[in-house]
Protein backbone atom coordinates (compact mmCIF):
# COMPACT_ATOMS: atom_id res chain seq x y z
CA MET A 1 150.09 47.25 47.96
CA LYS A 2 151.89 44.46 49.82
CA LYS A 3 150.85 43.58 53.34
CA ASP A 4 153.48 44.35 56.00
CA LYS A 5 154.05 40.97 57.63
CA THR A 6 156.37 42.44 60.27
CA LYS A 7 153.68 44.61 61.80
CA LYS A 8 152.35 43.17 65.05
CA PRO A 9 148.96 43.77 66.66
CA GLU A 10 148.75 46.37 69.40
CA TRP A 11 147.56 43.72 71.86
CA ALA A 12 147.87 39.96 72.03
CA PRO A 13 146.48 37.65 74.74
CA GLU A 14 148.62 35.76 77.15
CA ALA A 15 148.43 31.98 77.01
CA ASP A 16 145.05 30.57 78.10
CA ASN A 17 143.59 34.08 78.36
CA ASP A 18 139.78 33.75 78.21
CA ALA A 19 139.43 37.39 77.14
CA PHE A 20 140.40 36.44 73.61
CA ALA A 21 137.54 35.62 71.26
CA GLY A 22 138.99 32.31 70.14
CA ARG A 23 141.61 29.92 71.42
CA ILE A 24 143.40 26.96 69.91
CA ILE A 25 142.82 23.88 72.02
CA SER A 26 144.35 20.46 71.81
CA GLY A 27 142.32 17.86 70.00
CA ARG A 28 140.64 14.82 71.51
CA GLY A 29 141.53 11.26 70.73
CA GLY A 30 139.32 9.17 68.51
CA GLU A 31 139.29 6.09 66.40
CA GLY A 32 141.92 6.27 63.67
CA ALA A 33 143.64 9.32 65.15
CA ASP A 34 147.28 9.46 64.09
CA HIS A 35 148.33 12.24 66.43
CA PRO A 36 149.48 11.02 69.86
CA GLU A 37 147.25 13.57 71.52
CA GLY A 38 144.28 12.53 69.45
CA SER A 39 142.34 14.14 66.63
CA ALA A 40 143.46 17.55 65.42
CA SER A 41 139.91 18.91 65.53
CA LEU A 42 139.77 22.44 66.91
CA HIS A 43 136.06 22.18 67.78
CA PRO A 44 135.46 19.11 69.94
CA LYS A 45 131.81 18.35 70.53
CA VAL A 46 130.82 18.69 74.17
CA ARG A 47 127.87 16.54 75.15
CA ARG A 48 125.73 17.50 78.10
CA LYS A 49 125.08 14.81 80.66
CA THR A 50 121.73 13.13 80.19
CA LEU A 51 119.47 13.79 83.17
CA GLY A 52 117.25 11.22 84.79
CA SER A 53 113.73 11.99 85.93
CA GLU A 54 114.81 12.44 89.56
CA ALA A 55 117.50 14.93 88.53
CA TYR A 56 114.96 16.91 86.52
CA VAL A 57 112.52 17.00 89.44
CA ALA A 58 115.21 17.99 91.96
CA GLY A 59 116.53 20.75 89.71
CA ILE A 60 113.06 22.16 89.05
CA LEU A 61 112.06 22.17 92.73
CA ASN A 62 115.36 23.87 93.59
CA GLY A 63 114.63 26.64 91.09
CA ASP A 64 117.51 25.73 88.77
CA ARG A 65 116.66 27.69 85.63
CA ALA A 66 119.05 25.68 83.45
CA VAL A 67 117.36 22.41 84.44
CA LEU A 68 113.95 24.06 84.02
CA GLY A 69 114.86 25.03 80.46
CA ARG A 70 116.02 21.49 79.70
CA ALA A 71 112.82 20.08 81.21
CA ILE A 72 110.70 22.27 78.94
CA THR A 73 112.72 21.05 75.96
CA LEU A 74 112.03 17.51 77.15
CA ILE A 75 108.26 17.94 77.23
CA GLU A 76 108.31 19.66 73.83
CA SER A 77 109.99 16.62 72.26
CA ASN A 78 107.96 14.15 70.21
CA ALA A 79 110.37 11.27 70.80
CA GLU A 80 108.60 8.37 72.54
CA ALA A 81 111.29 8.00 75.22
CA HIS A 82 111.13 11.72 75.97
CA ILE A 83 107.33 11.68 76.16
CA ILE A 84 107.44 8.89 78.76
CA GLN A 85 110.09 10.64 80.84
CA ALA A 86 108.26 13.98 80.57
CA GLN A 87 105.13 12.39 82.04
CA GLU A 88 107.16 11.05 84.95
CA VAL A 89 108.55 14.51 85.64
CA LEU A 90 105.14 16.17 85.35
CA ARG A 91 103.53 13.70 87.77
CA ALA A 92 106.29 14.32 90.30
CA VAL A 93 106.12 18.13 90.19
CA LEU A 94 102.32 18.42 89.92
CA PRO A 95 101.76 18.58 93.73
CA HIS A 96 104.18 21.53 93.83
CA SER A 97 102.36 23.54 91.14
CA GLY A 98 99.41 25.87 91.55
CA GLY A 99 99.16 28.76 93.97
CA THR A 100 99.98 31.18 91.17
CA ILE A 101 98.21 33.65 88.94
CA ARG A 102 98.30 32.84 85.23
CA VAL A 103 97.83 35.86 82.99
CA GLY A 104 97.30 35.66 79.24
CA ILE A 105 98.21 38.80 77.29
CA THR A 106 97.12 39.26 73.71
CA GLY A 107 96.68 42.02 71.17
CA VAL A 108 97.21 42.82 67.55
CA PRO A 109 100.82 42.85 66.26
CA GLY A 110 102.36 46.21 67.09
CA ALA A 111 100.23 46.77 70.19
CA GLY A 112 103.36 46.60 72.36
CA LYS A 113 102.79 43.27 74.10
CA SER A 114 106.47 42.55 74.72
CA THR A 115 107.12 46.09 76.00
CA LEU A 116 104.12 45.86 78.31
CA ILE A 117 105.20 42.46 79.63
CA GLU A 118 108.69 43.74 80.40
CA ALA A 119 107.31 46.79 82.20
CA LEU A 120 104.79 44.69 84.15
CA GLY A 121 107.40 42.03 84.88
CA MET A 122 109.89 44.54 86.25
CA HIS A 123 107.14 46.05 88.41
CA LEU A 124 106.30 42.61 89.82
CA LEU A 125 109.95 41.86 90.53
CA GLU A 126 110.20 45.08 92.54
CA LEU A 127 107.22 43.84 94.58
CA GLY A 128 109.07 40.61 95.37
CA HIS A 129 107.37 38.27 92.91
CA ARG A 130 109.11 35.74 90.69
CA VAL A 131 107.96 36.02 87.09
CA ALA A 132 107.95 33.46 84.29
CA VAL A 133 107.18 34.65 80.77
CA LEU A 134 106.09 32.16 78.14
CA ALA A 135 106.47 34.14 74.95
CA VAL A 136 105.06 32.46 71.86
CA ASP A 137 106.36 33.47 68.44
CA PRO A 138 104.43 32.68 65.26
CA SER A 139 105.81 29.83 63.18
CA SER A 140 106.09 30.26 59.45
CA SER A 141 103.42 28.31 57.57
CA ILE A 142 105.97 27.79 54.79
CA SER A 143 109.26 26.95 56.49
CA GLY A 144 107.96 26.15 59.97
CA GLY A 145 110.65 28.43 61.42
CA SER A 146 110.28 31.06 64.12
CA ILE A 147 112.42 34.07 65.07
CA LEU A 148 112.11 33.61 68.85
CA GLY A 149 113.29 37.16 69.54
CA ASP A 150 111.38 37.87 72.74
CA LYS A 151 114.46 37.77 74.96
CA THR A 152 115.91 40.52 72.80
CA ARG A 153 112.76 42.61 73.15
CA MET A 154 112.68 42.05 76.94
CA GLU A 155 116.33 42.82 77.61
CA LYS A 156 116.01 44.07 81.20
CA LEU A 157 113.61 41.36 82.26
CA SER A 158 115.71 38.59 80.71
CA ARG A 159 118.75 39.63 82.76
CA HIS A 160 116.96 39.65 86.11
CA PRO A 161 117.62 36.58 88.32
CA GLY A 162 114.01 36.55 89.49
CA SER A 163 112.58 36.06 86.01
CA PHE A 164 112.50 33.27 83.48
CA ILE A 165 111.67 33.84 79.81
CA ARG A 166 110.95 30.94 77.52
CA PRO A 167 110.32 31.82 73.86
CA SER A 168 108.63 28.98 72.00
CA PRO A 169 107.36 28.58 68.43
CA SER A 170 103.60 28.35 68.07
CA GLY A 171 103.96 25.56 65.54
CA GLY A 172 100.71 26.68 63.95
CA ALA A 173 98.76 25.84 67.11
CA LEU A 174 95.33 27.39 67.59
CA GLY A 175 95.41 30.70 69.41
CA GLY A 176 99.09 31.25 68.80
CA VAL A 177 100.01 29.16 71.82
CA ALA A 178 102.74 26.55 71.83
CA ARG A 179 101.48 22.96 71.98
CA LYS A 180 103.03 22.35 75.40
CA THR A 181 102.21 25.66 77.08
CA ARG A 182 100.09 24.05 79.80
CA GLU A 183 102.84 21.64 80.80
CA THR A 184 105.39 24.45 80.73
CA MET A 185 103.27 26.49 83.14
CA LEU A 186 103.22 23.60 85.62
CA LEU A 187 107.01 23.29 85.50
CA CYS A 188 107.48 27.03 86.05
CA GLU A 189 105.10 26.99 89.01
CA ALA A 190 106.92 24.04 90.56
CA ALA A 191 110.19 25.98 90.11
CA GLY A 192 108.84 28.75 92.36
CA PHE A 193 107.58 31.33 89.87
CA ASP A 194 104.34 32.74 91.28
CA VAL A 195 103.27 34.88 88.31
CA ILE A 196 103.03 33.30 84.86
CA LEU A 197 102.66 35.67 81.90
CA VAL A 198 101.70 34.11 78.57
CA GLU A 199 102.27 36.33 75.55
CA THR A 200 100.41 35.16 72.47
CA VAL A 201 100.68 35.88 68.77
CA GLY A 202 97.36 37.71 68.77
CA VAL A 203 95.25 36.26 66.00
CA GLY A 204 91.68 37.21 66.90
CA GLN A 205 88.90 34.71 67.44
CA SER A 206 91.16 31.69 67.97
CA GLU A 207 92.45 33.32 71.19
CA ILE A 208 89.88 31.17 72.98
CA ALA A 209 92.73 28.65 73.20
CA VAL A 210 94.57 31.09 75.45
CA ARG A 211 91.50 31.73 77.55
CA SER A 212 91.22 28.02 78.28
CA MET A 213 94.54 27.89 80.13
CA VAL A 214 94.90 31.15 82.10
CA ASP A 215 93.15 32.71 85.07
CA PHE A 216 93.11 36.28 83.79
CA PHE A 217 92.92 37.36 80.15
CA LEU A 218 94.24 40.81 79.21
CA LEU A 219 93.50 42.35 75.84
CA LEU A 220 95.91 45.04 74.71
CA GLN A 221 94.53 47.60 72.26
CA ILE A 222 95.91 50.63 70.45
CA THR A 223 94.36 53.66 68.83
CA GLY A 224 93.58 53.62 65.13
CA GLY A 225 92.63 49.95 65.10
CA GLY A 226 88.95 50.50 64.39
CA ASP A 227 85.90 51.65 66.33
CA GLU A 228 84.14 49.74 69.10
CA LEU A 229 82.00 47.79 66.60
CA GLN A 230 85.13 46.53 64.86
CA GLY A 231 86.38 45.39 68.25
CA ILE A 232 83.19 43.42 68.80
CA LYS A 233 83.45 41.77 65.38
CA LYS A 234 86.91 40.48 66.22
CA GLY A 235 85.24 38.32 68.87
CA VAL A 236 88.07 38.59 71.38
CA MET A 237 86.75 41.43 73.54
CA GLU A 238 84.07 39.18 75.00
CA LEU A 239 86.85 36.96 76.39
CA ALA A 240 88.80 39.76 78.08
CA ASP A 241 88.89 40.28 81.86
CA ALA A 242 90.49 43.66 81.23
CA VAL A 243 91.06 45.83 78.17
CA VAL A 244 94.05 48.18 78.16
CA VAL A 245 94.77 50.81 75.52
CA ASN A 246 98.54 51.04 75.25
CA LYS A 247 100.80 53.87 74.05
CA ALA A 248 98.83 56.53 75.93
CA ASP A 249 101.64 59.05 76.01
CA GLY A 250 102.65 62.28 74.29
CA GLU A 251 100.37 63.35 71.47
CA ASN A 252 98.64 59.97 71.56
CA ARG A 253 97.29 60.47 75.08
CA ALA A 254 94.00 62.11 73.98
CA PRO A 255 93.30 59.57 71.17
CA ALA A 256 94.02 56.75 73.64
CA GLU A 257 91.48 58.13 76.10
CA SER A 258 88.94 58.43 73.30
CA ALA A 259 89.59 54.82 72.31
CA ARG A 260 89.18 53.77 75.94
CA GLN A 261 85.73 55.33 76.03
CA ASP A 262 84.79 53.60 72.77
CA PHE A 263 85.86 50.18 74.06
CA ALA A 264 84.08 50.76 77.37
CA MET A 265 80.92 51.54 75.44
CA ALA A 266 81.32 48.41 73.32
CA LEU A 267 81.65 46.18 76.39
CA ARG A 268 78.20 47.27 77.56
CA TYR A 269 76.72 45.17 74.77
CA LEU A 270 78.75 42.06 75.56
CA PRO A 271 78.23 39.40 78.26
CA ALA A 272 80.75 39.35 81.09
CA ALA A 273 83.84 37.28 80.36
CA THR A 274 83.83 36.10 83.97
CA GLU A 275 80.61 35.84 85.93
CA GLY A 276 80.39 38.50 88.62
CA TRP A 277 83.27 40.55 87.19
CA LYS A 278 82.86 43.76 85.21
CA THR A 279 85.63 44.10 82.61
CA PRO A 280 87.50 47.39 83.22
CA VAL A 281 89.02 49.45 80.42
CA ARG A 282 92.17 51.44 81.15
CA THR A 283 94.98 53.27 79.37
CA CYS A 284 98.69 52.86 79.94
CA SER A 285 102.09 53.59 78.52
CA ALA A 286 104.35 50.57 78.59
CA LEU A 287 107.19 52.84 77.48
CA SER A 288 106.96 55.27 80.39
CA GLY A 289 105.47 52.83 82.90
CA GLU A 290 102.38 54.95 83.51
CA GLY A 291 99.38 52.77 84.40
CA ILE A 292 101.40 49.54 84.79
CA GLY A 293 100.85 49.41 88.55
CA GLU A 294 97.12 49.82 88.05
CA ILE A 295 97.04 46.80 85.73
CA TRP A 296 98.51 44.62 88.48
CA GLU A 297 96.02 46.03 91.00
CA ILE A 298 93.17 45.02 88.66
CA ILE A 299 94.60 41.49 88.37
CA CYS A 300 94.84 41.23 92.17
CA GLU A 301 91.26 42.49 92.59
CA PHE A 302 90.10 39.93 90.04
CA ARG A 303 91.82 37.09 91.86
CA GLU A 304 90.46 38.14 95.24
CA ALA A 305 86.91 38.46 93.91
CA THR A 306 86.90 35.16 92.00
CA VAL A 307 88.55 33.18 94.81
CA LYS A 308 85.98 34.50 97.27
CA ALA A 309 83.13 33.55 94.92
CA GLY A 310 84.61 30.09 94.21
CA ARG A 311 84.97 30.82 90.48
CA PHE A 312 88.77 30.83 90.46
CA GLU A 313 89.09 27.18 91.46
CA LEU A 314 86.10 26.22 89.31
CA ARG A 315 87.80 27.69 86.24
CA ARG A 316 91.00 25.78 87.05
CA ARG A 317 89.06 22.49 87.31
CA ARG A 318 87.27 23.09 84.03
CA GLN A 319 90.55 23.94 82.34
CA ALA A 320 92.04 20.64 83.58
CA ARG A 321 89.12 18.81 81.98
CA GLU A 322 89.54 20.70 78.70
CA TRP A 323 93.25 19.89 78.78
CA MET A 324 92.49 16.18 79.12
CA LEU A 325 90.03 16.26 76.21
CA SER A 326 92.47 18.16 74.00
CA LEU A 327 95.17 15.58 74.70
CA ILE A 328 92.78 12.80 73.71
CA GLY A 329 92.05 14.65 70.48
CA ASP A 330 95.77 15.07 69.76
CA TYR A 331 96.41 11.38 70.38
CA LEU A 332 93.57 10.23 68.13
CA GLU A 333 94.66 12.58 65.36
CA ASN A 334 98.22 11.25 65.49
CA LEU A 335 96.94 7.67 65.62
CA PHE A 336 94.87 8.29 62.50
CA TYR A 337 97.54 9.92 60.37
CA GLN A 338 100.30 7.54 61.43
CA HIS A 339 98.36 4.35 60.73
CA PRO A 340 99.93 2.38 57.83
CA ASP A 341 96.60 1.88 56.02
CA ILE A 342 95.88 5.62 56.09
CA ILE A 343 99.40 6.44 54.93
CA ALA A 344 98.96 4.01 52.03
CA GLN A 345 95.52 5.25 50.94
CA MET A 346 95.83 8.97 51.65
CA PRO A 347 97.78 10.08 48.51
CA GLU A 348 95.31 8.50 46.08
CA ILE A 349 92.26 9.88 47.88
CA GLU A 350 93.84 13.32 48.20
CA GLN A 351 94.56 13.37 44.48
CA ALA A 352 90.95 12.41 43.72
CA VAL A 353 89.72 15.31 45.87
CA MET A 354 92.09 17.84 44.28
CA SER A 355 91.13 16.74 40.77
CA GLY A 356 87.43 17.11 41.55
CA LYS A 357 86.65 13.39 41.11
CA LEU A 358 85.69 12.90 44.74
CA PRO A 359 83.80 15.24 47.11
CA PRO A 360 85.76 16.07 50.30
CA THR A 361 82.93 14.77 52.48
CA THR A 362 82.95 11.40 50.70
CA ALA A 363 86.73 11.24 50.89
CA ALA A 364 86.69 11.92 54.63
CA ARG A 365 84.13 9.16 55.20
CA GLN A 366 86.20 6.72 53.13
CA LEU A 367 89.33 7.43 55.14
CA LEU A 368 87.49 7.10 58.44
CA GLN A 369 85.98 3.78 57.32
CA ILE A 370 89.44 2.55 56.35
CA PHE A 371 90.69 3.58 59.78
CA GLU A 372 87.80 1.90 61.62
CA GLU A 373 88.24 -1.35 59.70
CA ALA A 374 91.98 -1.27 60.31
CA LEU A 375 91.44 -0.86 64.06
CA LYS A 376 89.07 -3.85 64.09
CA SER A 377 91.57 -6.02 62.23
CA ASP A 378 94.35 -4.95 64.63
CA ARG A 379 92.50 -6.36 67.62
């Protein structure tokens, strides 16, 4: 059947009508362009203006979310020039950070972390708070890619002008936390967000990495995930400042209450995650919103109690020290693997280990000796 070329569409846009999905635009001039108006390219590349450190700082302190997003991208970069500029920005905004509550939220996949965060975030916005969500997606160990779909899962929260959601790939970092999460928190605080919610991948014992950078650590549980002894074996319950059993609605309400009692019993055998604070166990339904307000009340009670006892500020100081030591470790690791002598010797030694000709312990000592000798010769 031949296509009727005389048939016209029911609607066509007027000239320069932005309602149309695509528009033909005149090309831009370039070297070797024959057309008097320039190149005939229909998709000219638009470059964003490069920001200086002062522009970054001013935008962050003014609460400009676009500049905040670009600043986070800056600190996540491994380029030497970006690292230097990022440090300048961080030093400038540091006096404007703090005064917030940093909440880490973890749980097994499927526990409803994103749904809970959206419900809690919307509740906080109604109370007049400004909320920043640092949502960390797991990176593939094979491709290194990450879906970064948290904005899709938190649709209402992402549209609210009082919130800021930054999905970041974990990059394989311990605890399912992006490598630059600490720096990102400082930027968000300087931008005026007074509640920082950190959603983690939820990978069990390595969640201690999350604990080392937040004030309050919330563990989200669901029914059917094992008894209280299984919860103890996972090693994460002893880090929690509160345990919440989610999806306590409908037919699951009774099982959720039973699970709450089991977890409460389990916590009796564990030391307190925070000295002077008894970890509460509650149920909630992130879907219906039931129990969400109580979670925030617990967080406020925790902050009041720990500030009064001096433990809140003490934890912050200790976390700053741990941050410094972790940065030193990162720098030394990069220095080791990027040294020319290590790069030259590594393949041969790795092959010897994989073929069984050299024990891993001996190989590690050889590489470290090579590195030490190289550092001496570089002086």
